[in-house]
N, C-alpha and C. Protein backbone atom coordinates (compact mmCIF):
# COMPACT_ATOMS: atom_id res chain seq x y z
N UNK A 1 14.45 -16.48 5.98
CA UNK A 1 13.61 -15.53 5.47
C UNK A 1 13.07 -14.70 6.89
N UNK A 2 12.99 -13.37 6.86
CA UNK A 2 12.32 -12.73 8.11
C UNK A 2 11.04 -12.59 8.16
N UNK A 3 10.14 -12.93 7.08
CA UNK A 3 8.54 -13.01 7.34
C UNK A 3 8.08 -14.40 7.05
N UNK A 4 8.63 -15.21 7.60
CA UNK A 4 8.02 -16.74 7.23
C UNK A 4 6.83 -16.71 8.46
N UNK A 5 5.70 -17.14 8.02
CA UNK A 5 4.61 -17.52 8.97
C UNK A 5 4.96 -18.67 10.00
N UNK A 6 4.51 -18.55 11.30
CA UNK A 6 4.73 -19.56 12.15
C UNK A 6 3.60 -20.32 12.43
N UNK A 7 2.32 -19.75 11.96
CA UNK A 7 0.88 -20.16 12.16
C UNK A 7 0.58 -21.40 11.69
N UNK A 8 -0.20 -22.22 11.91
CA UNK A 8 -0.50 -23.44 11.33
C UNK A 8 -1.85 -23.29 10.39
N UNK A 9 -2.38 -21.81 10.56
CA UNK A 9 -3.64 -21.71 9.51
C UNK A 9 -3.09 -21.33 8.46
N UNK A 10 -4.07 -21.86 7.42
CA UNK A 10 -3.90 -21.40 5.88
C UNK A 10 -4.37 -20.16 5.73
N UNK A 11 -4.04 -19.42 4.53
CA UNK A 11 -4.43 -18.12 4.33
C UNK A 11 -5.91 -17.81 4.27
N UNK A 12 -6.70 -18.79 3.82
CA UNK A 12 -8.09 -18.68 3.93
C UNK A 12 -8.81 -18.64 5.39
N UNK A 13 -8.04 -19.29 6.05
CA UNK A 13 -8.32 -19.40 7.72
C UNK A 13 -7.91 -18.46 8.54
N UNK A 14 -7.18 -17.64 8.01
CA UNK A 14 -6.83 -16.25 8.63
C UNK A 14 -7.61 -15.07 8.40
N UNK A 15 -8.55 -15.11 9.38
CA UNK A 15 -9.65 -14.10 9.36
C UNK A 15 -9.35 -13.16 10.48
N UNK A 16 -8.29 -13.16 11.25
CA UNK A 16 -8.16 -12.16 12.44
C UNK A 16 -8.52 -10.73 12.12
N UNK A 17 -8.77 -10.03 12.98
CA UNK A 17 -9.02 -8.54 12.83
C UNK A 17 -7.77 -8.09 12.14
N UNK A 18 -6.59 -8.57 12.69
CA UNK A 18 -5.26 -7.80 12.06
C UNK A 18 -5.29 -8.19 10.78
N UNK A 19 -5.47 -9.32 10.12
CA UNK A 19 -5.49 -9.45 8.86
C UNK A 19 -6.38 -8.69 8.02
N UNK A 20 -7.55 -8.37 8.38
CA UNK A 20 -8.56 -7.48 7.97
C UNK A 20 -7.98 -6.34 7.88
N UNK A 21 -7.58 -5.85 8.93
CA UNK A 21 -6.89 -4.29 9.04
C UNK A 21 -5.84 -4.06 8.13
N UNK A 22 -5.15 -5.15 7.87
CA UNK A 22 -3.97 -4.74 6.65
C UNK A 22 -4.44 -4.56 5.43
N UNK A 23 -5.63 -4.81 4.97
CA UNK A 23 -6.30 -4.59 3.58
C UNK A 23 -6.24 -3.01 3.20
N UNK A 24 -6.73 -2.06 4.26
CA UNK A 24 -6.52 -0.75 3.66
C UNK A 24 -5.18 -0.42 3.49
N UNK A 25 -4.15 -0.67 4.25
CA UNK A 25 -2.56 -0.59 4.11
C UNK A 25 -2.16 -0.89 2.81
N UNK A 26 -2.47 -2.36 2.54
CA UNK A 26 -2.22 -2.73 1.11
C UNK A 26 -2.84 -2.04 0.19
N UNK A 27 -4.08 -1.31 0.04
CA UNK A 27 -4.79 -0.79 -0.79
C UNK A 27 -4.03 0.46 -1.05
N UNK A 28 -3.58 1.23 0.05
CA UNK A 28 -3.08 2.39 -0.05
C UNK A 28 -1.57 2.15 -0.87
N UNK A 29 -0.74 1.35 -0.33
CA UNK A 29 0.29 1.05 -0.93
C UNK A 29 0.07 0.70 -2.51
N UNK A 30 -0.68 -0.23 -2.68
CA UNK A 30 -1.08 -0.43 -4.25
C UNK A 30 -1.29 0.97 -5.07
N UNK A 31 -2.34 1.67 -4.46
CA UNK A 31 -2.61 3.06 -5.01
C UNK A 31 -1.19 3.80 -5.40
N UNK A 32 -0.74 3.80 -4.46
CA UNK A 32 0.77 4.74 -4.46
C UNK A 32 1.60 4.25 -5.52
N UNK A 33 1.50 2.82 -5.40
CA UNK A 33 2.73 2.15 -6.47
C UNK A 33 1.98 2.15 -8.17
N UNK A 34 0.66 2.28 -8.07
CA UNK A 34 0.27 2.43 -9.49
C UNK A 34 0.44 3.95 -9.88
N UNK A 35 0.13 4.86 -8.78
CA UNK A 35 0.51 6.43 -9.30
C UNK A 35 1.98 6.54 -9.44
N UNK A 36 2.88 5.93 -9.00
CA UNK A 36 4.45 5.96 -9.32
C UNK A 36 4.56 5.67 -10.76
N UNK A 37 3.91 4.55 -11.03
CA UNK A 37 4.12 3.69 -12.23
C UNK A 37 3.57 4.77 -13.57
N UNK A 38 2.42 5.18 -13.10
CA UNK A 38 1.79 6.33 -14.43
C UNK A 38 2.63 7.31 -14.30
N UNK A 39 3.16 8.00 -13.33
CA UNK A 39 4.02 9.13 -13.69
C UNK A 39 5.37 8.92 -14.21
N UNK A 40 5.84 7.79 -13.94
CA UNK A 40 6.86 7.49 -14.91
C UNK A 40 6.86 7.33 -16.28
N UNK A 41 5.28 7.09 -16.95
CA UNK A 41 5.17 7.16 -18.29
C UNK A 41 4.83 8.64 -18.77
N UNK A 42 4.76 9.58 -17.95
CA UNK A 42 4.36 10.81 -18.49
C UNK A 42 5.30 11.28 -19.44
N UNK A 43 6.59 11.19 -19.37
CA UNK A 43 7.50 11.91 -20.24
C UNK A 43 7.32 11.46 -21.57
N UNK A 44 7.10 9.96 -21.94
CA UNK A 44 6.85 9.56 -23.18
C UNK A 44 5.49 9.81 -23.80
N UNK A 45 4.50 9.93 -22.89
CA UNK A 45 3.31 10.13 -23.34
C UNK A 45 3.12 11.80 -23.80
N UNK A 46 3.97 12.64 -23.24
CA UNK A 46 3.95 14.18 -23.41
C UNK A 46 3.82 14.20 -25.13
N UNK A 47 4.73 13.88 -26.02
CA UNK A 47 4.85 14.11 -26.98
C UNK A 47 3.81 13.80 -27.83
N UNK A 48 3.40 12.47 -27.68
CA UNK A 48 2.11 11.93 -28.36
C UNK A 48 1.07 12.60 -28.12
N UNK A 49 0.84 12.95 -26.77
CA UNK A 49 -0.45 13.73 -26.73
C UNK A 49 -0.43 15.31 -27.28
N UNK A 50 0.79 15.73 -27.38
CA UNK A 50 0.84 17.15 -28.12
C UNK A 50 0.53 16.91 -29.67
N UNK A 51 0.93 15.76 -30.20
CA UNK A 51 0.58 15.63 -31.52
C UNK A 51 -0.70 15.38 -31.93
N UNK A 52 -1.49 14.78 -30.95
CA UNK A 52 -2.87 14.37 -31.12
C UNK A 52 -3.79 15.58 -30.77
N UNK A 53 -3.36 16.37 -30.08
CA UNK A 53 -4.00 17.47 -29.84
C UNK A 53 -3.88 18.48 -31.02
N UNK A 54 -2.90 18.45 -31.33
CA UNK A 54 -2.73 19.48 -32.60
C UNK A 54 -3.54 18.86 -33.81
N UNK A 55 -3.55 17.58 -33.91
CA UNK A 55 -4.78 17.12 -35.06
C UNK A 55 -6.12 17.26 -34.74
N UNK A 56 -6.55 17.43 -33.41
CA UNK A 56 -7.81 17.68 -32.97
C UNK A 56 -8.17 19.28 -33.14
N UNK A 57 -7.22 20.07 -33.01
CA UNK A 57 -7.42 21.55 -32.94
C UNK A 57 -7.88 21.74 -34.63
N UNK A 58 -7.33 21.12 -35.62
CA UNK A 58 -7.86 21.42 -36.94
C UNK A 58 -9.13 20.68 -37.40
N UNK A 59 -9.76 19.86 -36.39
CA UNK A 59 -10.82 19.44 -36.68
C UNK A 59 -12.09 20.17 -35.81
N UNK A 60 -11.83 21.17 -35.08
CA UNK A 60 -12.73 21.72 -34.32
C UNK A 60 -13.84 22.40 -35.03
N UNK A 61 -13.82 23.26 -36.19
CA UNK A 61 -14.75 23.83 -37.02
C UNK A 61 -15.92 22.88 -37.31
N UNK A 62 -15.77 21.68 -37.86
CA UNK A 62 -16.57 20.70 -38.14
C UNK A 62 -17.25 20.14 -36.95
N UNK A 63 -16.35 19.71 -36.00
CA UNK A 63 -17.06 19.15 -34.59
C UNK A 63 -18.10 20.12 -34.14
N UNK A 64 -17.89 21.62 -34.04
CA UNK A 64 -18.77 22.74 -33.45
C UNK A 64 -20.08 22.78 -34.44
N UNK A 65 -20.12 22.56 -35.54
CA UNK A 65 -21.26 22.47 -36.41
C UNK A 65 -22.27 21.54 -35.78
N UNK A 66 -21.76 20.17 -35.26
CA UNK A 66 -22.27 19.11 -34.78
C UNK A 66 -22.95 19.20 -33.57
N UNK A 67 -22.30 20.24 -32.60
CA UNK A 67 -22.62 20.34 -30.97
C UNK A 67 -24.29 20.30 -30.84
N UNK A 68 -24.91 21.02 -31.35
CA UNK A 68 -26.49 21.22 -31.24
C UNK A 68 -27.04 19.97 -31.10
N UNK A 69 -26.84 19.06 -32.20
CA UNK A 69 -27.53 17.96 -32.27
C UNK A 69 -27.05 16.97 -31.28
N UNK A 70 -25.80 16.97 -31.04
CA UNK A 70 -25.37 15.85 -29.99
C UNK A 70 -25.42 16.35 -28.50
N UNK A 71 -25.78 17.63 -28.26
CA UNK A 71 -26.36 18.03 -27.02
C UNK A 71 -27.77 17.56 -26.64
N UNK A 72 -28.67 17.86 -27.79
CA UNK A 72 -30.01 17.38 -27.55
C UNK A 72 -30.07 15.82 -27.37
N UNK A 73 -29.40 15.19 -28.34
CA UNK A 73 -29.28 13.69 -27.85
C UNK A 73 -28.80 13.12 -26.60
N UNK A 74 -27.68 13.80 -26.19
CA UNK A 74 -27.27 13.58 -24.94
C UNK A 74 -28.17 13.96 -23.62
N UNK A 75 -28.93 14.89 -24.02
CA UNK A 75 -29.96 15.29 -22.81
C UNK A 75 -31.10 14.36 -22.70
N UNK A 76 -31.58 14.04 -23.83
CA UNK A 76 -32.59 12.82 -23.72
C UNK A 76 -32.17 11.58 -23.16
N UNK A 77 -31.01 11.24 -23.47
CA UNK A 77 -30.40 9.90 -23.08
C UNK A 77 -29.95 9.76 -21.48
N UNK A 78 -29.69 11.03 -21.14
CA UNK A 78 -29.10 11.19 -19.72
C UNK A 78 -29.65 10.44 -18.58
N UNK A 79 -30.85 10.10 -18.53
CA UNK A 79 -31.58 9.43 -17.39
C UNK A 79 -30.98 8.02 -17.60
N UNK A 80 -30.82 7.66 -18.82
CA UNK A 80 -30.59 6.01 -18.87
C UNK A 80 -29.11 5.98 -18.63
N UNK A 81 -28.37 6.88 -19.23
CA UNK A 81 -26.81 6.90 -19.18
C UNK A 81 -26.29 6.97 -17.58
N UNK A 82 -27.21 8.05 -16.87
CA UNK A 82 -26.62 8.17 -15.31
C UNK A 82 -26.96 7.09 -14.61
N UNK A 83 -27.98 6.47 -14.89
CA UNK A 83 -28.58 5.02 -14.29
C UNK A 83 -27.51 4.03 -14.45
N UNK A 84 -27.18 3.71 -15.71
CA UNK A 84 -26.31 2.73 -15.86
C UNK A 84 -24.70 2.78 -15.33
N UNK A 85 -24.33 4.29 -15.33
CA UNK A 85 -22.96 4.74 -14.54
C UNK A 85 -23.24 4.26 -12.97
N UNK A 86 -24.23 4.60 -12.64
CA UNK A 86 -24.61 4.43 -11.04
C UNK A 86 -24.25 3.21 -10.75
N UNK A 87 -24.95 2.24 -11.40
CA UNK A 87 -25.06 0.80 -10.99
C UNK A 87 -23.76 0.22 -11.17
N UNK A 88 -22.96 0.52 -12.09
CA UNK A 88 -21.46 0.07 -12.35
C UNK A 88 -20.42 0.75 -11.39
N UNK A 89 -20.81 1.96 -10.70
CA UNK A 89 -19.61 2.46 -9.92
C UNK A 89 -19.42 1.43 -8.63
N UNK A 90 -20.50 0.98 -7.91
CA UNK A 90 -19.91 0.29 -6.66
C UNK A 90 -19.16 -1.07 -6.93
N UNK A 91 -19.62 -1.80 -8.03
CA UNK A 91 -18.77 -2.86 -8.56
C UNK A 91 -17.28 -2.46 -8.92
N UNK A 92 -17.11 -1.46 -9.62
CA UNK A 92 -15.69 -0.70 -10.18
C UNK A 92 -15.19 -0.53 -8.87
N UNK A 93 -15.82 0.19 -8.10
CA UNK A 93 -15.00 0.73 -6.80
C UNK A 93 -14.29 -0.33 -6.03
N UNK A 94 -15.10 -1.61 -5.62
CA UNK A 94 -14.94 -2.74 -5.14
C UNK A 94 -13.61 -3.46 -5.85
N UNK A 95 -13.60 -3.51 -7.20
CA UNK A 95 -13.02 -4.14 -8.06
C UNK A 95 -11.29 -3.31 -7.97
N UNK A 96 -11.54 -2.03 -7.97
CA UNK A 96 -10.28 -1.25 -7.89
C UNK A 96 -9.70 -1.41 -6.51
N UNK A 97 -10.43 -1.26 -5.30
CA UNK A 97 -10.01 -1.41 -4.02
C UNK A 97 -9.30 -2.94 -4.00
N UNK A 98 -9.75 -3.93 -4.36
CA UNK A 98 -9.10 -5.21 -4.16
C UNK A 98 -8.01 -5.50 -5.02
N UNK A 99 -7.94 -4.75 -6.22
CA UNK A 99 -6.90 -4.62 -7.28
C UNK A 99 -5.49 -3.69 -6.46
N UNK A 100 -5.86 -2.81 -5.81
CA UNK A 100 -5.07 -1.98 -5.07
C UNK A 100 -4.58 -2.55 -3.89
N UNK A 101 -5.33 -3.40 -3.16
CA UNK A 101 -4.85 -4.27 -1.93
C UNK A 101 -3.91 -5.34 -2.32
N UNK A 102 -4.38 -6.03 -3.50
CA UNK A 102 -3.43 -7.01 -3.95
C UNK A 102 -2.13 -6.45 -4.45
N UNK A 103 -2.25 -5.43 -5.27
CA UNK A 103 -0.76 -4.87 -5.69
C UNK A 103 -0.13 -4.40 -4.42
N UNK A 104 -0.41 -3.64 -3.58
CA UNK A 104 0.10 -3.63 -2.20
C UNK A 104 0.73 -4.59 -1.37
N UNK A 105 -0.08 -5.70 -1.57
CA UNK A 105 0.49 -6.72 -0.51
C UNK A 105 1.58 -7.45 -1.29
N UNK A 106 1.56 -7.54 -2.75
CA UNK A 106 2.69 -8.02 -3.34
C UNK A 106 3.98 -6.90 -3.13
N UNK A 107 3.75 -5.43 -3.27
CA UNK A 107 4.89 -4.62 -3.06
C UNK A 107 5.17 -4.60 -1.63
N UNK A 108 4.44 -4.83 -0.68
CA UNK A 108 5.05 -5.14 0.59
C UNK A 108 5.91 -6.31 0.78
N UNK A 109 5.09 -7.48 0.28
CA UNK A 109 6.08 -8.70 0.38
C UNK A 109 7.13 -8.78 -0.43
N UNK A 110 7.49 -7.82 -1.45
CA UNK A 110 8.77 -7.68 -2.24
C UNK A 110 9.53 -6.96 -1.20
N UNK A 111 9.01 -5.96 -0.60
CA UNK A 111 10.10 -4.99 0.38
C UNK A 111 10.57 -6.04 1.40
N UNK A 112 9.69 -6.62 1.99
CA UNK A 112 10.11 -7.54 3.13
C UNK A 112 11.12 -8.52 2.72
N UNK A 113 11.00 -9.08 1.19
CA UNK A 113 11.97 -9.96 0.91
C UNK A 113 13.32 -9.40 0.38
N UNK A 114 13.51 -8.03 0.35
CA UNK A 114 14.70 -7.42 -0.21
C UNK A 114 15.72 -7.34 0.84
N UNK A 115 17.18 -7.75 0.34
CA UNK A 115 18.38 -7.88 1.24
C UNK A 115 18.30 -6.72 2.13
N UNK A 116 18.07 -5.57 1.84
CA UNK A 116 18.20 -4.60 2.79
C UNK A 116 17.12 -4.55 3.94
N UNK A 117 16.15 -5.11 3.64
CA UNK A 117 14.98 -5.17 4.83
C UNK A 117 15.36 -6.38 5.44
N UNK A 118 15.91 -7.63 4.94
CA UNK A 118 16.25 -8.70 5.82
C UNK A 118 17.55 -8.23 6.67
N UNK A 119 18.46 -7.47 6.25
CA UNK A 119 19.53 -6.96 6.78
C UNK A 119 18.98 -6.29 8.02
N UNK A 120 17.97 -5.18 7.77
CA UNK A 120 17.64 -4.38 8.89
C UNK A 120 16.95 -5.24 10.04
N UNK A 121 16.15 -6.37 9.42
CA UNK A 121 15.49 -7.12 10.54
C UNK A 121 16.43 -7.95 11.09
N UNK A 122 17.66 -8.45 10.70
CA UNK A 122 18.69 -8.99 11.52
C UNK A 122 19.28 -8.24 12.50
N UNK A 123 19.75 -7.00 11.82
CA UNK A 123 20.29 -6.06 12.90
C UNK A 123 19.43 -5.76 14.20
N UNK A 124 18.09 -5.53 13.87
CA UNK A 124 17.09 -5.22 14.99
C UNK A 124 17.06 -6.33 15.75
N UNK A 125 17.22 -7.60 15.26
CA UNK A 125 16.83 -8.89 16.12
C UNK A 125 18.15 -8.75 17.16
N UNK A 126 19.28 -8.78 16.69
CA UNK A 126 20.52 -8.75 17.40
C UNK A 126 20.50 -7.56 18.19
N UNK A 127 20.41 -6.28 18.02
CA UNK A 127 20.19 -5.41 18.87
C UNK A 127 19.17 -5.62 20.27
N UNK A 128 18.04 -6.12 19.76
CA UNK A 128 17.03 -6.69 20.78
C UNK A 128 17.65 -7.33 22.02
N UNK A 129 18.39 -8.52 21.20
CA UNK A 129 18.91 -9.47 21.58
C UNK A 129 19.99 -9.03 22.86
N UNK A 130 20.66 -8.14 22.38
CA UNK A 130 21.66 -7.59 23.15
C UNK A 130 21.38 -6.52 24.26
N UNK A 131 20.11 -5.96 23.96
CA UNK A 131 19.41 -5.42 25.07
C UNK A 131 18.87 -6.26 26.03
N UNK A 132 18.28 -7.12 25.66
CA UNK A 132 17.99 -8.13 26.74
C UNK A 132 19.03 -8.79 27.59
N UNK A 133 20.18 -9.16 26.87
CA UNK A 133 21.20 -9.60 27.72
C UNK A 133 21.75 -8.53 28.78
N UNK A 134 22.00 -7.32 28.35
CA UNK A 134 22.38 -6.38 28.88
C UNK A 134 21.30 -5.91 30.34
N UNK A 135 20.26 -6.12 29.84
CA UNK A 135 19.24 -5.86 31.01
C UNK A 135 19.39 -6.80 32.03
N UNK A 136 19.30 -7.99 31.72
CA UNK A 136 19.67 -9.34 32.47
C UNK A 136 21.14 -9.02 33.36
N UNK A 137 21.90 -8.77 32.63
CA UNK A 137 23.27 -8.59 33.09
C UNK A 137 23.49 -7.46 34.41
N UNK A 138 22.62 -6.52 34.12
CA UNK A 138 22.45 -5.18 34.88
C UNK A 138 21.52 -5.42 35.97
N UNK A 139 20.73 -6.26 36.06
CA UNK A 139 19.65 -6.68 37.11
C UNK A 139 20.41 -7.52 37.81
N UNK A 140 21.17 -8.56 37.36
CA UNK A 140 21.95 -9.36 38.34
C UNK A 140 23.12 -8.59 39.09
N UNK A 141 23.71 -7.59 38.46
CA UNK A 141 24.83 -6.89 39.17
C UNK A 141 24.06 -5.94 40.29
N UNK A 142 23.06 -5.36 40.02
CA UNK A 142 22.24 -4.83 40.82
C UNK A 142 21.93 -5.24 42.12
N UNK A 143 21.56 -6.76 41.79
CA UNK A 143 20.94 -7.65 42.93
C UNK A 143 22.34 -7.96 43.66
N UNK A 144 23.69 -8.09 43.04
CA UNK A 144 24.44 -8.64 43.77
C UNK A 144 25.17 -7.54 44.67
N UNK A 145 25.26 -6.28 43.98
CA UNK A 145 25.56 -5.10 44.83
C UNK A 145 24.69 -4.91 45.87
N UNK A 146 23.37 -4.97 45.88
CA UNK A 146 22.58 -4.94 46.94
C UNK A 146 22.70 -5.75 47.87
N UNK A 147 22.82 -7.19 47.58
CA UNK A 147 23.20 -8.07 48.47
C UNK A 147 24.46 -7.72 49.42
N UNK A 148 25.44 -7.34 48.64
CA UNK A 148 27.07 -7.06 49.24
C UNK A 148 26.68 -5.85 50.16
N UNK A 149 25.91 -4.77 49.76
CA UNK A 149 25.69 -3.77 50.66
C UNK A 149 24.90 -4.28 52.02
N UNK A 150 24.02 -4.94 51.78
CA UNK A 150 23.08 -5.69 52.83
C UNK A 150 23.96 -6.57 53.77
N UNK A 151 24.84 -7.14 52.99
CA UNK A 151 25.87 -8.20 53.96
C UNK A 151 27.07 -7.16 54.57
N UNK A 152 27.42 -6.23 54.25
CA UNK A 152 28.33 -5.40 54.75
C UNK A 152 27.91 -4.54 55.80
N UNK A 153 26.55 -4.42 55.69
CA UNK A 153 25.75 -3.52 56.69
C UNK A 153 25.47 -4.40 58.04
N UNK A 154 25.13 -5.58 57.88
CA UNK A 154 24.49 -6.45 58.68
C UNK A 154 25.86 -7.13 59.45
N UNK A 155 25.71 -7.29 60.67
CA UNK A 155 26.99 -7.66 61.65
C UNK A 155 27.09 -8.93 61.83
């Protein structure tokens, strides 16, 4: 497997800056993955929403008669409602961020384990190895050529 850890530290001990730096990346991958998942459900939800909206349109006159009472009640409850919503937002934001980071980490791990990724890693390692071998061989040839020129010039 191309992504095996070689460190002896456990995951809970791995608090290096690089592990902390990965979390935003994982969160963005997780958020994008969720967005794609939701977009794929839109065609099925479209028909259901159209039917639901047409049902609601027929109820508009009855709902309009209740609006003045609902507005005054909502205005009176506004300070309490806003306070409750604000207190829950920070916790919800942290929860979503951690959920996205976890989801993204799983998606990245899945990509790393995919046969295409493993093949790309294998080919990259082979190419790097061949490049190092060519560099060594070129240096040796240049050294030999330099010595040959030096020997030819020196009487």
